[in-house]
Amino acid sequence: MNGAVLLGGRYQLRGLLGRDSLAEVRDGCDLRLSRPVAVRLLRPCLAVQPGNQLSFEAEARGRPH
């Protein structure tokens, strides 16, 4: 991912902030609300495994997984 990327027509993604075993975190901007955000993206190779998707979504909602 080089340069600015638009995700979901709303989030402008910029530089890489960090990585972990499931995802990477990108610096970004919510264009609708005009505020900075950090966007965590599940690694594509892991997204095909249903257990990983459920865990990732539960974590995003603040629920235990």
Protein backbone atom coordinates (compact mmCIF):
# COMPACT_ATOMS: atom_id res chain seq x y z
CA MET A 1 0.00 0.00 0.00
CA ASN A 2 1.86 3.06 -1.20
CA GLY A 3 0.59 6.64 -0.94
CA ALA A 4 -2.95 7.58 0.06
CA VAL A 5 -5.63 4.92 -0.40
CA LEU A 6 -9.38 5.45 0.05
CA LEU A 7 -11.16 2.68 1.97
CA GLY A 8 -14.93 2.37 1.89
CA GLY A 9 -15.27 5.79 0.30
CA ARG A 10 -14.62 7.29 3.71
CA TYR A 11 -11.22 6.50 5.19
CA GLN A 12 -8.08 7.86 3.60
CA LEU A 13 -5.22 5.54 4.52
CA ARG A 14 -1.66 6.76 4.74
CA GLY A 15 1.42 5.34 6.43
CA LEU A 16 1.91 2.12 8.31
CA LEU A 17 1.80 2.48 12.10
CA GLY A 18 2.42 -1.13 13.04
CA ARG A 19 1.75 -4.84 12.53
CA ASP A 20 0.75 -7.80 14.66
CA SER A 21 0.05 -11.46 13.92
CA LEU A 22 -3.41 -10.82 12.42
CA ALA A 23 -3.34 -7.32 11.02
CA GLU A 24 -1.59 -4.10 10.17
CA VAL A 25 -2.52 -0.67 11.50
CA ARG A 26 -2.57 2.31 9.16
CA ASP A 27 -2.59 6.02 9.87
CA GLY A 28 -5.69 7.54 8.33
CA CYS A 29 -8.31 10.23 8.16
CA ASP A 30 -12.09 9.85 8.39
CA LEU A 31 -13.11 12.15 5.55
CA ARG A 32 -16.77 12.25 6.63
CA LEU A 33 -15.94 13.48 10.15
CA SER A 34 -12.68 15.25 9.26
CA ARG A 35 -10.69 13.57 12.02
CA PRO A 36 -7.62 11.36 12.31
CA VAL A 37 -8.09 7.62 12.78
CA ALA A 38 -6.07 4.45 13.02
CA VAL A 39 -7.40 1.67 10.79
CA ARG A 40 -6.63 -1.97 11.55
CA LEU A 41 -6.73 -4.22 8.48
CA LEU A 42 -6.92 -8.00 8.75
CA ARG A 43 -4.19 -9.63 6.65
CA PRO A 44 -5.78 -10.99 3.42
CA CYS A 45 -4.16 -14.42 3.81
CA LEU A 46 -5.86 -14.76 7.21
CA ALA A 47 -9.23 -13.30 6.19
CA VAL A 48 -10.22 -16.51 4.38
CA GLN A 49 -10.29 -18.42 7.67
CA PRO A 50 -13.70 -17.88 9.36
CA GLY A 51 -12.31 -18.16 12.90
CA ASN A 52 -9.91 -15.30 12.26
CA GLN A 53 -12.65 -13.06 10.87
CA LEU A 54 -14.90 -13.69 13.86
CA SER A 55 -12.09 -13.02 16.31
CA PHE A 56 -11.10 -9.83 14.49
CA GLU A 57 -14.72 -8.57 14.45
CA ALA A 58 -15.26 -9.41 18.13
CA GLU A 59 -12.10 -7.52 19.05
CA ALA A 60 -13.24 -4.52 16.98
CA ARG A 61 -16.52 -4.49 18.92
CA GLY A 62 -14.65 -4.66 22.22
CA ARG A 63 -15.90 -8.14 23.02
CA PRO A 64 -13.78 -11.03 24.23
CA HIS A 65 -12.91 -13.59 21.55
